[in-house]
Amino acid sequence: MRDFHRGGYALPYPPDAQLGLDRIVLACLREGREPPVGVPHLMRLCELPFSKWPIEISEDCGGPDAVLINPHTRQPSRTCVEWAVSGLHTGADETTSSVLLRLAMGSHSAWATYRDFLIENPVIDLHAGPGFLTRPEMRRIWQHVQALYVDLRPELRCPSCGLFASQGKDGAGWCESESCDAFPQEQEQEQERADKDIKALPRETRLSLVPAGRAEQALRASLLAVGAEVRMAPEPFVHAVVTLPSGATWALVVRVDTQPVLLAEAVQSWGVLAGVARMVVTVPEDVMRRRADYSAVFDRHNTGRDWTLLSTRRFLAEVKRAARKVKARA
């Protein structure tokens, strides 16, 4: 067993796990509750909804059904990942965007092209034979962004979105995004072959960039279809500038956060963008439906009120309504 050291003591678990246990034990003692007796007990506790924890946790901080470890896969849940990176100066998407902007030498157009490449290709098999990397344009992009990818051993892949998946205790495959349905492995793909050369974006980057990025791409296509113009901008944070048929300009950010309290926290850091008539953050309907109080929790913690939360469907409906008004006046 690997030893971790704190001062002169050898610890059986990583320091962060020990620190997490210390904090939970202290909170339990302050509230007069029975604390977990060790890291294994804490890990089992993390598979339970917050409502069953020995300490009181506000429902705004996850909802009654939120867990930190996915009970099917025994892997950190989306809720856990979101809380782990909350409060950081920049998230994985912003950090990746800054790197891409340097690679693009400041060109916003090249930055957007590189970013779309990452969204569409979070996992790449270099031994897949003739494919998109045989095209000169794709090879050129790959040469610029390949440093963002890491070597990974072959893993199970989700047949719906192409991200990695884990085999659950029930034998089914579970997508790491927690957005796709579980799939029976015997009807889908088996474990990736050992001879494959798999390159992938780091997990934090995959989960922060890809699900939201694909929702953003779908919304961008819908906006273009109704006559709006869309321009992606990397600074001061990643957002879209949407010009309506009327000429009005809106700022748009597409997110897939499962925790509205953390989304509201992020919105506070964005501030006000100059030159736009409205600032909107949209979340897909299927994400918002998982929490009946999603909008209410966001509104309680969105103290600045500069940004409005809309579902993607409602946002698109408002754009279409604005476009119809322009046509009616023509």
C-alpha atoms as a PDB file:
ATOM      1  CA  MET A   1       0.000   0.000   0.000  1.00  0.00           C
ATOM      2  CA  ARG A   2       1.288   3.459  -0.835  1.00  0.00           C
ATOM      3  CA  ASP A   3       1.960   5.694   2.163  1.00  0.00           C
ATOM      4  CA  PHE A   4       1.161   9.412   2.263  1.00  0.00           C
ATOM      5  CA  HIS A   5       2.931  11.550   4.809  1.00  0.00           C
ATOM      6  CA  ARG A   6       1.747  14.430   6.958  1.00  0.00           C
ATOM      7  CA  GLY A   7       4.666  15.686   9.004  1.00  0.00           C
ATOM      8  CA  GLY A   8       6.197  12.620  10.636  1.00  0.00           C
ATOM      9  CA  TYR A   9       3.102  10.428  10.242  1.00  0.00           C
ATOM     10  CA  ALA A  10       2.456   7.896   7.473  1.00  0.00           C
ATOM     11  CA  LEU A  11      -1.163   8.031   6.262  1.00  0.00           C
ATOM     12  CA  PRO A  12      -2.868   5.240   4.302  1.00  0.00           C
ATOM     13  CA  TYR A  13      -4.930   7.656   2.175  1.00  0.00           C
ATOM     14  CA  PRO A  14      -4.220  10.794   0.125  1.00  0.00           C
ATOM     15  CA  PRO A  15      -4.027  13.989   2.241  1.00  0.00           C
ATOM     16  CA  ASP A  16      -7.153  15.473   0.631  1.00  0.00           C
ATOM     17  CA  ALA A  17      -9.189  12.430   1.691  1.00  0.00           C
ATOM     18  CA  GLN A  18      -7.815  12.648   5.229  1.00  0.00           C
ATOM     19  CA  LEU A  19      -8.568  16.385   5.321  1.00  0.00           C
ATOM     20  CA  GLY A  20     -12.113  15.766   4.088  1.00  0.00           C
ATOM     21  CA  LEU A  21     -12.623  13.199   6.844  1.00  0.00           C
ATOM     22  CA  ASP A  22     -11.243  15.606   9.464  1.00  0.00           C
ATOM     23  CA  ARG A  23     -13.659  18.338   8.395  1.00  0.00           C
ATOM     24  CA  ILE A  24     -16.689  16.032   8.365  1.00  0.00           C
ATOM     25  CA  VAL A  25     -15.797  14.630  11.787  1.00  0.00           C
ATOM     26  CA  LEU A  26     -15.416  18.157  13.181  1.00  0.00           C
ATOM     27  CA  ALA A  27     -18.786  19.225  11.726  1.00  0.00           C
ATOM     28  CA  CYS A  28     -20.476  16.139  13.213  1.00  0.00           C
ATOM     29  CA  LEU A  29     -18.962  16.770  16.651  1.00  0.00           C
ATOM     30  CA  ARG A  30     -20.117  20.396  16.571  1.00  0.00           C
ATOM     31  CA  GLU A  31     -23.668  19.280  15.772  1.00  0.00           C
ATOM     32  CA  GLY A  32     -23.628  16.418  18.252  1.00  0.00           C
ATOM     33  CA  ARG A  33     -23.912  13.793  15.506  1.00  0.00           C
ATOM     34  CA  GLU A  34     -22.091  10.477  15.132  1.00  0.00           C
ATOM     35  CA  PRO A  35     -19.159  11.000  12.736  1.00  0.00           C
ATOM     36  CA  PRO A  36     -17.747   8.548  10.169  1.00  0.00           C
ATOM     37  CA  VAL A  37     -15.060   6.397  11.771  1.00  0.00           C
ATOM     38  CA  GLY A  38     -12.615   6.418   8.856  1.00  0.00           C
ATOM     39  CA  VAL A  39     -12.106   7.124   5.163  1.00  0.00           C
ATOM     40  CA  PRO A  40     -13.855   3.859   4.056  1.00  0.00           C
ATOM     41  CA  HIS A  41     -16.899   4.885   6.115  1.00  0.00           C
ATOM     42  CA  LEU A  42     -16.744   8.361   4.571  1.00  0.00           C
ATOM     43  CA  MET A  43     -16.655   6.845   1.063  1.00  0.00           C
ATOM     44  CA  ARG A  44     -19.795   4.819   1.836  1.00  0.00           C
ATOM     45  CA  LEU A  45     -21.410   7.975   3.149  1.00  0.00           C
ATOM     46  CA  CYS A  46     -20.627   9.722  -0.148  1.00  0.00           C
ATOM     47  CA  GLU A  47     -22.845   7.188  -1.968  1.00  0.00           C
ATOM     48  CA  LEU A  48     -25.842   8.342   0.077  1.00  0.00           C
ATOM     49  CA  PRO A  49     -27.998  11.386  -0.738  1.00  0.00           C
ATOM     50  CA  PHE A  50     -27.171  14.516   1.241  1.00  0.00           C
ATOM     51  CA  SER A  51     -30.505  14.146   3.040  1.00  0.00           C
ATOM     52  CA  LYS A  52     -29.108  11.029   4.775  1.00  0.00           C
ATOM     53  CA  TRP A  53     -25.823  12.550   5.943  1.00  0.00           C
ATOM     54  CA  PRO A  54     -25.230  12.942   9.692  1.00  0.00           C
ATOM     55  CA  ILE A  55     -24.774  16.710   9.306  1.00  0.00           C
ATOM     56  CA  GLU A  56     -27.300  19.231   8.071  1.00  0.00           C
ATOM     57  CA  ILE A  57     -26.673  20.286   4.468  1.00  0.00           C
ATOM     58  CA  SER A  58     -28.842  22.909   2.801  1.00  0.00           C
ATOM     59  CA  GLU A  59     -30.932  21.494  -0.034  1.00  0.00           C
ATOM     60  CA  ASP A  60     -29.719  24.404  -2.162  1.00  0.00           C
ATOM     61  CA  CYS A  61     -26.246  22.832  -2.034  1.00  0.00           C
ATOM     62  CA  GLY A  62     -27.198  19.734  -3.982  1.00  0.00           C
ATOM     63  CA  GLY A  63     -30.811  18.778  -3.526  1.00  0.00           C
ATOM     64  CA  PRO A  64     -32.083  15.837  -1.487  1.00  0.00           C
ATOM     65  CA  ASP A  65     -30.977  13.233  -4.057  1.00  0.00           C
ATOM     66  CA  ALA A  66     -27.442  14.524  -4.728  1.00  0.00           C
ATOM     67  CA  VAL A  67     -24.560  12.108  -4.080  1.00  0.00           C
ATOM     68  CA  LEU A  68     -20.793  12.588  -4.267  1.00  0.00           C
ATOM     69  CA  ILE A  69     -19.999   9.075  -5.480  1.00  0.00           C
ATOM     70  CA  ASN A  70     -22.109   7.495  -8.217  1.00  0.00           C
ATOM     71  CA  PRO A  71     -23.470   4.341  -6.555  1.00  0.00           C
ATOM     72  CA  HIS A  72     -23.546   2.489  -9.888  1.00  0.00           C
ATOM     73  CA  THR A  73     -19.915   3.053 -10.872  1.00  0.00           C
ATOM     74  CA  ARG A  74     -18.229   3.996  -7.576  1.00  0.00           C
ATOM     75  CA  GLN A  75     -16.749   6.994  -9.416  1.00  0.00           C
ATOM     76  CA  PRO A  76     -16.997  10.688  -8.421  1.00  0.00           C
ATOM     77  CA  SER A  77     -20.378  12.041  -9.499  1.00  0.00           C
ATOM     78  CA  ARG A  78     -21.031  15.142 -11.599  1.00  0.00           C
ATOM     79  CA  THR A  79     -22.106  16.864  -8.373  1.00  0.00           C
ATOM     80  CA  CYS A  80     -18.749  15.962  -6.814  1.00  0.00           C
ATOM     81  CA  VAL A  81     -16.792  17.271  -9.807  1.00  0.00           C
ATOM     82  CA  GLU A  82     -18.757  20.535  -9.857  1.00  0.00           C
ATOM     83  CA  TRP A  83     -18.192  21.127  -6.146  1.00  0.00           C
ATOM     84  CA  ALA A  84     -14.514  20.187  -6.442  1.00  0.00           C
ATOM     85  CA  VAL A  85     -13.816  22.967  -8.948  1.00  0.00           C
ATOM     86  CA  SER A  86     -16.207  25.561  -7.475  1.00  0.00           C
ATOM     87  CA  GLY A  87     -14.513  28.609  -6.065  1.00  0.00           C
ATOM     88  CA  LEU A  88     -11.459  28.200  -8.279  1.00  0.00           C
ATOM     89  CA  HIS A  89     -10.355  31.347 -10.082  1.00  0.00           C
ATOM     90  CA  THR A  90     -11.053  29.738 -13.441  1.00  0.00           C
ATOM     91  CA  GLY A  91     -12.777  26.538 -14.427  1.00  0.00           C
ATOM     92  CA  ALA A  92     -11.425  23.906 -16.783  1.00  0.00           C
ATOM     93  CA  ASP A  93     -13.260  25.424 -19.757  1.00  0.00           C
ATOM     94  CA  GLU A  94     -11.790  28.881 -19.114  1.00  0.00           C
ATOM     95  CA  THR A  95      -8.303  27.459 -18.588  1.00  0.00           C
ATOM     96  CA  THR A  96      -8.526  25.444 -21.812  1.00  0.00           C
ATOM     97  CA  SER A  97      -9.868  28.498 -23.632  1.00  0.00           C
ATOM     98  CA  SER A  98      -6.867  30.581 -22.502  1.00  0.00           C
ATOM     99  CA  VAL A  99      -4.480  27.921 -23.795  1.00  0.00           C
ATOM    100  CA  LEU A 100      -6.339  27.753 -27.114  1.00  0.00           C
ATOM    101  CA  LEU A 101      -6.215  31.518 -27.494  1.00  0.00           C
ATOM    102  CA  ARG A 102      -2.423  31.430 -27.094  1.00  0.00           C
ATOM    103  CA  LEU A 103      -2.191  28.586 -29.618  1.00  0.00           C
ATOM    104  CA  ALA A 104      -4.340  30.641 -31.997  1.00  0.00           C
ATOM    105  CA  MET A 105      -1.992  33.609 -31.525  1.00  0.00           C
ATOM    106  CA  GLY A 106      -4.898  35.793 -30.492  1.00  0.00           C
ATOM    107  CA  SER A 107      -7.111  34.984 -33.491  1.00  0.00           C
ATOM    108  CA  HIS A 108     -10.701  34.593 -32.272  1.00  0.00           C
ATOM    109  CA  SER A 109     -11.641  32.703 -35.441  1.00  0.00           C
ATOM    110  CA  ALA A 110      -8.847  30.137 -34.986  1.00  0.00           C
ATOM    111  CA  TRP A 111      -9.677  29.918 -31.263  1.00  0.00           C
ATOM    112  CA  ALA A 112     -13.303  29.047 -32.082  1.00  0.00           C
ATOM    113  CA  THR A 113     -12.171  26.414 -34.617  1.00  0.00           C
ATOM    114  CA  TYR A 114      -9.816  24.784 -32.100  1.00  0.00           C
ATOM    115  CA  ARG A 115     -12.477  24.841 -29.376  1.00  0.00           C
ATOM    116  CA  ASP A 116     -15.057  23.186 -31.642  1.00  0.00           C
ATOM    117  CA  PHE A 117     -12.490  20.512 -32.456  1.00  0.00           C
ATOM    118  CA  LEU A 118     -12.076  19.681 -28.756  1.00  0.00           C
ATOM    119  CA  ILE A 119     -15.842  19.596 -28.229  1.00  0.00           C
ATOM    120  CA  GLU A 120     -16.362  17.235 -31.143  1.00  0.00           C
ATOM    121  CA  ASN A 121     -13.278  15.065 -30.448  1.00  0.00           C
ATOM    122  CA  PRO A 122     -12.727  14.661 -26.687  1.00  0.00           C
ATOM    123  CA  VAL A 123     -11.353  11.138 -27.264  1.00  0.00           C
ATOM    124  CA  ILE A 124      -9.212  10.178 -30.257  1.00  0.00           C
ATOM    125  CA  ASP A 125      -7.968   6.761 -31.363  1.00  0.00           C
ATOM    126  CA  LEU A 126      -4.809   7.373 -33.380  1.00  0.00           C
ATOM    127  CA  HIS A 127      -4.823   3.774 -34.632  1.00  0.00           C
ATOM    128  CA  ALA A 128      -8.363   3.898 -35.990  1.00  0.00           C
ATOM    129  CA  GLY A 129      -7.149   3.826 -39.583  1.00  0.00           C
ATOM    130  CA  PRO A 130      -8.158   6.338 -42.276  1.00  0.00           C
ATOM    131  CA  GLY A 131     -10.296   8.979 -40.678  1.00  0.00           C
ATOM    132  CA  PHE A 132     -10.683  12.664 -40.043  1.00  0.00           C
ATOM    133  CA  LEU A 133      -7.000  13.113 -39.162  1.00  0.00           C
ATOM    134  CA  THR A 134      -6.107  12.226 -42.763  1.00  0.00           C
ATOM    135  CA  ARG A 135      -7.677  15.516 -43.879  1.00  0.00           C
ATOM    136  CA  PRO A 136      -5.101  18.337 -44.093  1.00  0.00           C
ATOM    137  CA  GLU A 137      -7.247  20.836 -42.162  1.00  0.00           C
ATOM    138  CA  MET A 138      -7.851  18.369 -39.316  1.00  0.00           C
ATOM    139  CA  ARG A 139      -4.176  17.437 -39.176  1.00  0.00           C
ATOM    140  CA  ARG A 140      -3.268  21.112 -38.926  1.00  0.00           C
ATOM    141  CA  ILE A 141      -5.677  21.624 -36.017  1.00  0.00           C
ATOM    142  CA  TRP A 142      -4.445  18.454 -34.315  1.00  0.00           C
ATOM    143  CA  GLN A 143      -0.860  19.673 -34.494  1.00  0.00           C
ATOM    144  CA  HIS A 144      -1.901  22.770 -32.548  1.00  0.00           C
ATOM    145  CA  VAL A 145      -4.098  21.161 -29.871  1.00  0.00           C
ATOM    146  CA  GLN A 146      -2.572  17.729 -29.290  1.00  0.00           C
ATOM    147  CA  ALA A 147      -0.641  18.951 -26.237  1.00  0.00           C
ATOM    148  CA  LEU A 148      -3.992  19.341 -24.450  1.00  0.00           C
ATOM    149  CA  TYR A 149      -4.617  15.591 -24.713  1.00  0.00           C
ATOM    150  CA  VAL A 150      -3.229  12.924 -22.414  1.00  0.00           C
ATOM    151  CA  ASP A 151      -2.479   9.239 -22.941  1.00  0.00           C
ATOM    152  CA  LEU A 152      -5.106   6.978 -21.431  1.00  0.00           C
ATOM    153  CA  ARG A 153      -5.497   3.253 -21.283  1.00  0.00           C
ATOM    154  CA  PRO A 154      -8.337   1.907 -23.432  1.00  0.00           C
ATOM    155  CA  GLU A 155     -11.653   2.240 -21.634  1.00  0.00           C
ATOM    156  CA  LEU A 156     -15.307   1.594 -22.221  1.00  0.00           C
ATOM    157  CA  ARG A 157     -16.916   4.299 -24.390  1.00  0.00           C
ATOM    158  CA  CYS A 158     -20.454   5.653 -24.241  1.00  0.00           C
ATOM    159  CA  PRO A 159     -22.207   4.834 -27.556  1.00  0.00           C
ATOM    160  CA  SER A 160     -24.355   7.991 -27.316  1.00  0.00           C
ATOM    161  CA  CYS A 161     -21.780  10.745 -26.822  1.00  0.00           C
ATOM    162  CA  GLY A 162     -18.372   9.078 -27.174  1.00  0.00           C
ATOM    163  CA  LEU A 163     -17.139  10.032 -23.700  1.00  0.00           C
ATOM    164  CA  PHE A 164     -15.773   7.390 -21.388  1.00  0.00           C
ATOM    165  CA  ALA A 165     -18.064   5.093 -19.447  1.00  0.00           C
ATOM    166  CA  SER A 166     -17.688   2.738 -16.501  1.00  0.00           C
ATOM    167  CA  GLN A 167     -19.129  -0.693 -15.933  1.00  0.00           C
ATOM    168  CA  GLY A 168     -21.649  -0.485 -13.136  1.00  0.00           C
ATOM    169  CA  LYS A 169     -22.366  -2.989 -10.408  1.00  0.00           C
ATOM    170  CA  ASP A 170     -25.362  -4.082 -12.488  1.00  0.00           C
ATOM    171  CA  GLY A 171     -23.101  -4.904 -15.449  1.00  0.00           C
ATOM    172  CA  ALA A 172     -24.420  -1.994 -17.528  1.00  0.00           C
ATOM    173  CA  GLY A 173     -22.289   0.806 -18.944  1.00  0.00           C
ATOM    174  CA  TRP A 174     -22.703   4.249 -17.355  1.00  0.00           C
ATOM    175  CA  CYS A 175     -21.530   7.417 -19.133  1.00  0.00           C
ATOM    176  CA  GLU A 176     -19.214   9.659 -17.144  1.00  0.00           C
ATOM    177  CA  SER A 177     -21.346  12.684 -18.080  1.00  0.00           C
ATOM    178  CA  GLU A 178     -24.365  11.161 -16.275  1.00  0.00           C
ATOM    179  CA  SER A 179     -26.461  12.653 -19.079  1.00  0.00           C
ATOM    180  CA  CYS A 180     -26.826   9.529 -21.245  1.00  0.00           C
ATOM    181  CA  ASP A 181     -28.883   6.433 -20.550  1.00  0.00           C
ATOM    182  CA  ALA A 182     -27.133   3.352 -19.193  1.00  0.00           C
ATOM    183  CA  PHE A 183     -26.429   0.845 -21.943  1.00  0.00           C
ATOM    184  CA  PRO A 184     -26.161  -2.970 -21.887  1.00  0.00           C
ATOM    185  CA  GLN A 185     -22.615  -3.834 -22.869  1.00  0.00           C
ATOM    186  CA  GLU A 186     -23.566  -7.063 -24.580  1.00  0.00           C
ATOM    187  CA  GLN A 187     -25.623  -5.026 -27.057  1.00  0.00           C
ATOM    188  CA  GLU A 188     -23.111  -2.227 -27.437  1.00  0.00           C
ATOM    189  CA  GLN A 189     -19.355  -2.181 -27.400  1.00  0.00           C
ATOM    190  CA  GLU A 190     -16.969  -4.234 -25.310  1.00  0.00           C
ATOM    191  CA  GLN A 191     -13.880  -2.851 -23.598  1.00  0.00           C
ATOM    192  CA  GLU A 192     -11.623  -0.970 -26.011  1.00  0.00           C
ATOM    193  CA  ARG A 193      -8.892  -3.146 -27.572  1.00  0.00           C
ATOM    194  CA  ALA A 194      -5.544  -2.983 -25.837  1.00  0.00           C
ATOM    195  CA  ASP A 195      -3.727  -2.143 -29.083  1.00  0.00           C
ATOM    196  CA  LYS A 196      -5.523   1.178 -29.480  1.00  0.00           C
ATOM    197  CA  ASP A 197      -3.617   4.417 -28.994  1.00  0.00           C
ATOM    198  CA  ILE A 198      -6.140   6.483 -27.058  1.00  0.00           C
ATOM    199  CA  LYS A 199      -5.677  10.215 -26.558  1.00  0.00           C
ATOM    200  CA  ALA A 200      -8.220  12.103 -24.484  1.00  0.00           C
ATOM    201  CA  LEU A 201      -8.801  15.432 -22.847  1.00  0.00           C
ATOM    202  CA  PRO A 202      -8.381  15.290 -19.045  1.00  0.00           C
ATOM    203  CA  ARG A 203     -11.576  14.276 -17.226  1.00  0.00           C
ATOM    204  CA  GLU A 204     -12.263  17.699 -15.711  1.00  0.00           C
ATOM    205  CA  THR A 205     -11.915  19.286 -19.153  1.00  0.00           C
ATOM    206  CA  ARG A 206     -14.094  16.635 -20.803  1.00  0.00           C
ATOM    207  CA  LEU A 207     -16.908  17.110 -18.311  1.00  0.00           C
ATOM    208  CA  SER A 208     -16.800  20.917 -18.268  1.00  0.00           C
ATOM    209  CA  LEU A 209     -16.296  21.475 -21.989  1.00  0.00           C
ATOM    210  CA  VAL A 210     -17.965  18.684 -23.956  1.00  0.00           C
ATOM    211  CA  PRO A 211     -21.589  18.371 -22.677  1.00  0.00           C
ATOM    212  CA  ALA A 212     -22.042  22.144 -22.487  1.00  0.00           C
ATOM    213  CA  GLY A 213     -20.158  22.654 -25.755  1.00  0.00           C
ATOM    214  CA  ARG A 214     -22.372  20.270 -27.669  1.00  0.00           C
ATOM    215  CA  ALA A 215     -25.503  21.897 -26.249  1.00  0.00           C
ATOM    216  CA  GLU A 216     -24.018  25.231 -27.311  1.00  0.00           C
ATOM    217  CA  GLN A 217     -23.304  23.969 -30.846  1.00  0.00           C
ATOM    218  CA  ALA A 218     -26.886  22.711 -31.228  1.00  0.00           C
ATOM    219  CA  LEU A 219     -28.265  26.040 -30.020  1.00  0.00           C
ATOM    220  CA  ARG A 220     -25.945  27.985 -32.314  1.00  0.00           C
ATOM    221  CA  ALA A 221     -27.254  25.994 -35.297  1.00  0.00           C
ATOM    222  CA  SER A 222     -30.862  26.713 -34.264  1.00  0.00           C
ATOM    223  CA  LEU A 223     -30.112  30.426 -33.899  1.00  0.00           C
ATOM    224  CA  LEU A 224     -28.551  30.612 -37.354  1.00  0.00           C
ATOM    225  CA  ALA A 225     -31.619  28.840 -38.769  1.00  0.00           C
ATOM    226  CA  VAL A 226     -33.923  31.640 -37.551  1.00  0.00           C
ATOM    227  CA  GLY A 227     -31.742  34.416 -38.968  1.00  0.00           C
ATOM    228  CA  ALA A 228     -29.643  35.351 -35.936  1.00  0.00           C
ATOM    229  CA  GLU A 229     -25.905  35.868 -36.163  1.00  0.00           C
ATOM    230  CA  VAL A 230     -23.661  34.143 -33.621  1.00  0.00           C
ATOM    231  CA  ARG A 231     -20.058  35.003 -32.833  1.00  0.00           C
ATOM    232  CA  MET A 232     -18.088  33.174 -30.164  1.00  0.00           C
ATOM    233  CA  ALA A 233     -15.843  35.304 -27.943  1.00  0.00           C
ATOM    234  CA  PRO A 234     -13.118  34.035 -25.588  1.00  0.00           C
ATOM    235  CA  GLU A 235     -12.741  37.097 -23.398  1.00  0.00           C
ATOM    236  CA  PRO A 236     -13.295  38.107 -20.650  1.00  0.00           C
ATOM    237  CA  PHE A 237     -14.823  34.608 -20.450  1.00  0.00           C
ATOM    238  CA  VAL A 238     -16.240  32.203 -23.027  1.00  0.00           C
ATOM    239  CA  HIS A 239     -19.562  33.481 -24.338  1.00  0.00           C
ATOM    240  CA  ALA A 240     -21.525  33.949 -27.533  1.00  0.00           C
ATOM    241  CA  VAL A 241     -22.574  37.301 -28.947  1.00  0.00           C
ATOM    242  CA  VAL A 242     -25.984  36.832 -30.580  1.00  0.00           C
ATOM    243  CA  THR A 243     -27.226  39.499 -32.966  1.00  0.00           C
ATOM    244  CA  LEU A 244     -30.973  39.229 -33.494  1.00  0.00           C
ATOM    245  CA  PRO A 245     -32.678  40.018 -36.832  1.00  0.00           C
ATOM    246  CA  SER A 246     -33.785  43.292 -35.198  1.00  0.00           C
ATOM    247  CA  GLY A 247     -30.153  44.276 -34.685  1.00  0.00           C
ATOM    248  CA  ALA A 248     -30.286  43.896 -30.895  1.00  0.00           C
ATOM    249  CA  THR A 249     -27.272  42.147 -29.395  1.00  0.00           C
ATOM    250  CA  TRP A 250     -27.473  39.629 -26.553  1.00  0.00           C
ATOM    251  CA  ALA A 251     -24.707  37.847 -24.644  1.00  0.00           C
ATOM    252  CA  LEU A 252     -25.235  34.109 -24.249  1.00  0.00           C
ATOM    253  CA  VAL A 253     -23.569  31.402 -22.151  1.00  0.00           C
ATOM    254  CA  VAL A 254     -24.680  27.777 -22.399  1.00  0.00           C
ATOM    255  CA  ARG A 255     -24.125  25.629 -19.311  1.00  0.00           C
ATOM    256  CA  VAL A 256     -25.112  22.152 -18.125  1.00  0.00           C
ATOM    257  CA  ASP A 257     -24.434  22.575 -14.391  1.00  0.00           C
ATOM    258  CA  THR A 258     -26.414  20.128 -12.292  1.00  0.00           C
ATOM    259  CA  GLN A 259     -26.093  22.435  -9.284  1.00  0.00           C
ATOM    260  CA  PRO A 260     -27.870  25.808  -9.754  1.00  0.00           C
ATOM    261  CA  VAL A 261     -26.249  27.279  -6.642  1.00  0.00           C
ATOM    262  CA  LEU A 262     -22.816  26.825  -8.243  1.00  0.00           C
ATOM    263  CA  LEU A 263     -24.040  28.252 -11.548  1.00  0.00           C
ATOM    264  CA  ALA A 264     -25.295  31.341  -9.694  1.00  0.00           C
ATOM    265  CA  GLU A 265     -21.894  31.612  -8.006  1.00  0.00           C
ATOM    266  CA  ALA A 266     -20.170  31.497 -11.396  1.00  0.00           C
ATOM    267  CA  VAL A 267     -22.521  34.127 -12.834  1.00  0.00           C
ATOM    268  CA  GLN A 268     -21.564  36.553 -10.062  1.00  0.00           C
ATOM    269  CA  SER A 269     -17.956  36.443 -11.277  1.00  0.00           C
ATOM    270  CA  TRP A 270     -18.869  37.274 -14.878  1.00  0.00           C
ATOM    271  CA  GLY A 271     -20.116  40.779 -14.178  1.00  0.00           C
ATOM    272  CA  VAL A 272     -21.605  43.032 -16.841  1.00  0.00           C
ATOM    273  CA  LEU A 273     -20.610  42.929 -20.504  1.00  0.00           C
ATOM    274  CA  ALA A 274     -20.549  46.234 -22.330  1.00  0.00           C
ATOM    275  CA  GLY A 275     -22.358  46.717 -25.612  1.00  0.00           C
ATOM    276  CA  VAL A 276     -25.098  44.104 -25.176  1.00  0.00           C
ATOM    277  CA  ALA A 277     -28.768  44.688 -24.465  1.00  0.00           C
ATOM    278  CA  ARG A 278     -29.281  41.492 -22.483  1.00  0.00           C
ATOM    279  CA  MET A 279     -27.176  38.773 -20.813  1.00  0.00           C
ATOM    280  CA  VAL A 280     -28.592  35.256 -20.715  1.00  0.00           C
ATOM    281  CA  VAL A 281     -27.308  31.942 -19.369  1.00  0.00           C
ATOM    282  CA  THR A 282     -29.174  28.936 -20.742  1.00  0.00           C
ATOM    283  CA  VAL A 283     -29.381  25.368 -19.444  1.00  0.00           C
ATOM    284  CA  PRO A 284     -30.916  22.471 -21.407  1.00  0.00           C
ATOM    285  CA  GLU A 285     -34.381  21.403 -20.304  1.00  0.00           C
ATOM    286  CA  ASP A 286     -33.338  17.861 -19.428  1.00  0.00           C
ATOM    287  CA  VAL A 287     -30.790  19.218 -16.934  1.00  0.00           C
ATOM    288  CA  MET A 288     -33.226  21.655 -15.322  1.00  0.00           C
ATOM    289  CA  ARG A 289     -35.947  18.998 -15.052  1.00  0.00           C
ATOM    290  CA  ARG A 290     -33.774  16.932 -12.699  1.00  0.00           C
ATOM    291  CA  ARG A 291     -34.391  19.560 -10.026  1.00  0.00           C
ATOM    292  CA  ALA A 292     -37.879  20.992  -9.738  1.00  0.00           C
ATOM    293  CA  ASP A 293     -36.442  23.986  -7.872  1.00  0.00           C
ATOM    294  CA  TYR A 294     -33.573  24.664 -10.302  1.00  0.00           C
ATOM    295  CA  SER A 295     -34.714  28.176 -11.296  1.00  0.00           C
ATOM    296  CA  ALA A 296     -35.758  29.075  -7.751  1.00  0.00           C
ATOM    297  CA  VAL A 297     -32.366  28.066  -6.287  1.00  0.00           C
ATOM    298  CA  PHE A 298     -30.529  29.984  -9.009  1.00  0.00           C
ATOM    299  CA  ASP A 299     -32.616  33.112  -8.411  1.00  0.00           C
ATOM    300  CA  ARG A 300     -32.034  32.948  -4.642  1.00  0.00           C
ATOM    301  CA  HIS A 301     -28.265  32.972  -5.131  1.00  0.00           C
ATOM    302  CA  ASN A 302     -28.043  35.207  -8.230  1.00  0.00           C
ATOM    303  CA  THR A 303     -27.810  38.349  -6.146  1.00  0.00           C
ATOM    304  CA  GLY A 304     -26.420  40.537  -8.924  1.00  0.00           C
ATOM    305  CA  ARG A 305     -29.430  39.970 -11.222  1.00  0.00           C
ATOM    306  CA  ASP A 306     -27.348  41.025 -14.236  1.00  0.00           C
ATOM    307  CA  TRP A 307     -27.740  37.626 -15.920  1.00  0.00           C
ATOM    308  CA  THR A 308     -31.060  35.917 -16.644  1.00  0.00           C
ATOM    309  CA  LEU A 309     -31.464  32.138 -16.508  1.00  0.00           C
ATOM    310  CA  LEU A 310     -33.566  30.590 -19.295  1.00  0.00           C
ATOM    311  CA  SER A 311     -33.940  27.055 -20.559  1.00  0.00           C
ATOM    312  CA  THR A 312     -32.508  26.616 -24.051  1.00  0.00           C
ATOM    313  CA  ARG A 313     -36.011  26.035 -25.392  1.00  0.00           C
ATOM    314  CA  ARG A 314     -37.375  29.225 -23.864  1.00  0.00           C
ATOM    315  CA  PHE A 315     -34.365  31.238 -25.038  1.00  0.00           C
ATOM    316  CA  LEU A 316     -34.811  30.005 -28.599  1.00  0.00           C
ATOM    317  CA  ALA A 317     -38.547  30.756 -28.405  1.00  0.00           C
ATOM    318  CA  GLU A 318     -37.786  34.355 -27.405  1.00  0.00           C
ATOM    319  CA  VAL A 319     -35.356  34.738 -30.315  1.00  0.00           C
ATOM    320  CA  LYS A 320     -37.938  33.320 -32.740  1.00  0.00           C
ATOM    321  CA  ARG A 321     -40.567  35.701 -31.385  1.00  0.00           C
ATOM    322  CA  ALA A 322     -38.218  38.636 -31.923  1.00  0.00           C
ATOM    323  CA  ALA A 323     -37.523  37.446 -35.478  1.00  0.00           C
ATOM    324  CA  ARG A 324     -41.257  37.208 -36.242  1.00  0.00           C
ATOM    325  CA  LYS A 325     -41.757  40.797 -35.071  1.00  0.00           C
ATOM    326  CA  VAL A 326     -39.060  41.967 -37.505  1.00  0.00           C
ATOM    327  CA  LYS A 327     -40.738  40.105 -40.389  1.00  0.00           C
ATOM    328  CA  ALA A 328     -44.147  41.505 -39.450  1.00  0.00           C
ATOM    329  CA  ARG A 329     -42.795  45.055 -39.638  1.00  0.00           C
ATOM    330  CA  ALA A 330     -41.072  44.431 -42.988  1.00  0.00           C
END
